[in-house]
C-alpha atoms as a PDB file:
ATOM      1  CA  UNK A   1     103.842 110.175  89.372  1.00  0.00           C
ATOM      2  CA  UNK A   2     101.980 111.367  86.290  1.00  0.00           C
ATOM      3  CA  UNK A   3      99.107 109.396  84.734  1.00  0.00           C
ATOM      4  CA  UNK A   4     101.219 108.833  81.613  1.00  0.00           C
ATOM      5  CA  UNK A   5     103.732 106.995  83.803  1.00  0.00           C
ATOM      6  CA  UNK A   6     101.188 104.410  84.946  1.00  0.00           C
ATOM      7  CA  UNK A   7     101.531 100.915  83.510  1.00  0.00           C
ATOM      8  CA  UNK A   8      99.709 100.475  80.204  1.00  0.00           C
ATOM      9  CA  UNK A   9      97.218  97.991  81.643  1.00  0.00           C
ATOM     10  CA  UNK A  10      96.036 100.714  84.031  1.00  0.00           C
ATOM     11  CA  UNK A  11      95.954 103.553  81.521  1.00  0.00           C
ATOM     12  CA  UNK A  12      93.778 101.409  79.251  1.00  0.00           C
ATOM     13  CA  UNK A  13      91.557 100.111  82.068  1.00  0.00           C
ATOM     14  CA  UNK A  14      87.837  99.944  81.408  1.00  0.00           C
ATOM     15  CA  UNK A  15      87.256  99.577  85.170  1.00  0.00           C
ATOM     16  CA  UNK A  16      89.194 102.410  86.787  1.00  0.00           C
ATOM     17  CA  UNK A  17      88.144 106.023  86.298  1.00  0.00           C
ATOM     18  CA  UNK A  18      90.496 108.927  85.669  1.00  0.00           C
ATOM     19  CA  UNK A  19      89.902 110.058  89.260  1.00  0.00           C
ATOM     20  CA  UNK A  20      90.934 106.635  90.537  1.00  0.00           C
ATOM     21  CA  UNK A  21      94.018 106.651  88.328  1.00  0.00           C
ATOM     22  CA  UNK A  22      94.852 110.078  89.743  1.00  0.00           C
ATOM     23  CA  UNK A  23      94.622 108.612  93.255  1.00  0.00           C
ATOM     24  CA  UNK A  24      97.108 105.923  92.268  1.00  0.00           C
ATOM     25  CA  UNK A  25      99.436 108.661  91.045  1.00  0.00           C
ATOM     26  CA  UNK A  26      99.482 110.169  94.535  1.00  0.00           C
ATOM     27  CA  UNK A  27     101.512 107.231  95.786  1.00  0.00           C
ATOM     28  CA  UNK A  28     105.122 108.107  96.481  1.00  0.00           C
ATOM     29  CA  UNK A  29     106.380 104.639  95.628  1.00  0.00           C
ATOM     30  CA  UNK A  30     105.213 101.366  94.174  1.00  0.00           C
ATOM     31  CA  UNK A  31     105.024  98.273  96.364  1.00  0.00           C
ATOM     32  CA  UNK A  32     107.887  95.814  96.317  1.00  0.00           C
ATOM     33  CA  UNK A  33     107.385  92.266  95.064  1.00  0.00           C
ATOM     34  CA  UNK A  34     107.492  91.097  98.675  1.00  0.00           C
ATOM     35  CA  UNK A  35     104.762  93.551  99.667  1.00  0.00           C
ATOM     36  CA  UNK A  36     102.588  92.400  96.777  1.00  0.00           C
ATOM     37  CA  UNK A  37     103.093  88.743  97.659  1.00  0.00           C
ATOM     38  CA  UNK A  38     102.281  89.420 101.312  1.00  0.00           C
ATOM     39  CA  UNK A  39      98.605  90.032 100.530  1.00  0.00           C
ATOM     40  CA  UNK A  40      98.086  86.648  98.859  1.00  0.00           C
ATOM     41  CA  UNK A  41      97.216  85.129 102.240  1.00  0.00           C
ATOM     42  CA  UNK A  42      94.311  87.535 102.822  1.00  0.00           C
ATOM     43  CA  UNK A  43      91.141  85.459 102.589  1.00  0.00           C
ATOM     44  CA  UNK A  44      89.337  87.785 100.198  1.00  0.00           C
ATOM     45  CA  UNK A  45      92.363  87.935  97.907  1.00  0.00           C
ATOM     46  CA  UNK A  46      92.791  84.147  97.974  1.00  0.00           C
ATOM     47  CA  UNK A  47      89.130  83.695  97.102  1.00  0.00           C
ATOM     48  CA  UNK A  48      89.392  86.119  94.208  1.00  0.00           C
ATOM     49  CA  UNK A  49      92.545  84.533  92.794  1.00  0.00           C
ATOM     50  CA  UNK A  50      91.182  81.000  93.147  1.00  0.00           C
ATOM     51  CA  UNK A  51      87.864  81.902  91.523  1.00  0.00           C
ATOM     52  CA  UNK A  52      89.541  82.816  88.255  1.00  0.00           C
ATOM     53  CA  UNK A  53      92.320  80.245  87.893  1.00  0.00           C
ATOM     54  CA  UNK A  54      93.091  79.886  84.201  1.00  0.00           C
ATOM     55  CA  UNK A  55      91.028  82.930  83.224  1.00  0.00           C
ATOM     56  CA  UNK A  56      93.520  85.772  83.362  1.00  0.00           C
ATOM     57  CA  UNK A  57      91.313  88.294  81.583  1.00  0.00           C
ATOM     58  CA  UNK A  58      88.446  87.923  84.049  1.00  0.00           C
ATOM     59  CA  UNK A  59      90.881  87.786  86.964  1.00  0.00           C
ATOM     60  CA  UNK A  60      92.407  91.089  85.835  1.00  0.00           C
ATOM     61  CA  UNK A  61      88.987  92.757  85.751  1.00  0.00           C
ATOM     62  CA  UNK A  62      88.132  91.492  89.223  1.00  0.00           C
ATOM     63  CA  UNK A  63      91.504  92.568  90.612  1.00  0.00           C
ATOM     64  CA  UNK A  64      90.819  96.052  89.276  1.00  0.00           C
ATOM     65  CA  UNK A  65      87.363  95.986  90.853  1.00  0.00           C
ATOM     66  CA  UNK A  66      88.950  94.982  94.165  1.00  0.00           C
ATOM     67  CA  UNK A  67      91.508  97.776  93.844  1.00  0.00           C
ATOM     68  CA  UNK A  68      88.628 100.159  93.157  1.00  0.00           C
ATOM     69  CA  UNK A  69      87.147  99.193  96.549  1.00  0.00           C
ATOM     70  CA  UNK A  70      90.421 100.072  98.250  1.00  0.00           C
ATOM     71  CA  UNK A  71      90.663 103.358  96.380  1.00  0.00           C
ATOM     72  CA  UNK A  72      87.182 104.330  97.587  1.00  0.00           C
ATOM     73  CA  UNK A  73      88.459 104.168 101.161  1.00  0.00           C
ATOM     74  CA  UNK A  74      91.783 105.760 100.150  1.00  0.00           C
ATOM     75  CA  UNK A  75      93.826 102.613 100.802  1.00  0.00           C
ATOM     76  CA  UNK A  76      96.065 103.492  97.876  1.00  0.00           C
ATOM     77  CA  UNK A  77      98.973 101.241  98.841  1.00  0.00           C
ATOM     78  CA  UNK A  78      96.669  98.246  99.129  1.00  0.00           C
ATOM     79  CA  UNK A  79      95.093  99.081  95.770  1.00  0.00           C
ATOM     80  CA  UNK A  80      98.547  99.030  94.159  1.00  0.00           C
ATOM     81  CA  UNK A  81      99.338  95.659  95.732  1.00  0.00           C
ATOM     82  CA  UNK A  82      96.106  94.176  94.394  1.00  0.00           C
ATOM     83  CA  UNK A  83      96.752  95.577  90.927  1.00  0.00           C
ATOM     84  CA  UNK A  84     100.202  93.996  90.803  1.00  0.00           C
ATOM     85  CA  UNK A  85      99.033  90.489  91.722  1.00  0.00           C
END
């Protein structure tokens, strides 16, 4: 995948660096809806989602920050799942 093929919300991210976007591009496929939904029961993800109920803008920033953590340890698939929540 090329950086220009990333979703607009990622290309315009103020949180993710170009290097992190490049890591996302290394993924051979995007997660399915089922794979994305499967991480909702992770405690840290539940806490994050519940903390920002009704505040989508702040939630989006914190989801990108969480994805950034996964990218640092090269958990690219997990980063994608978090970004698509």
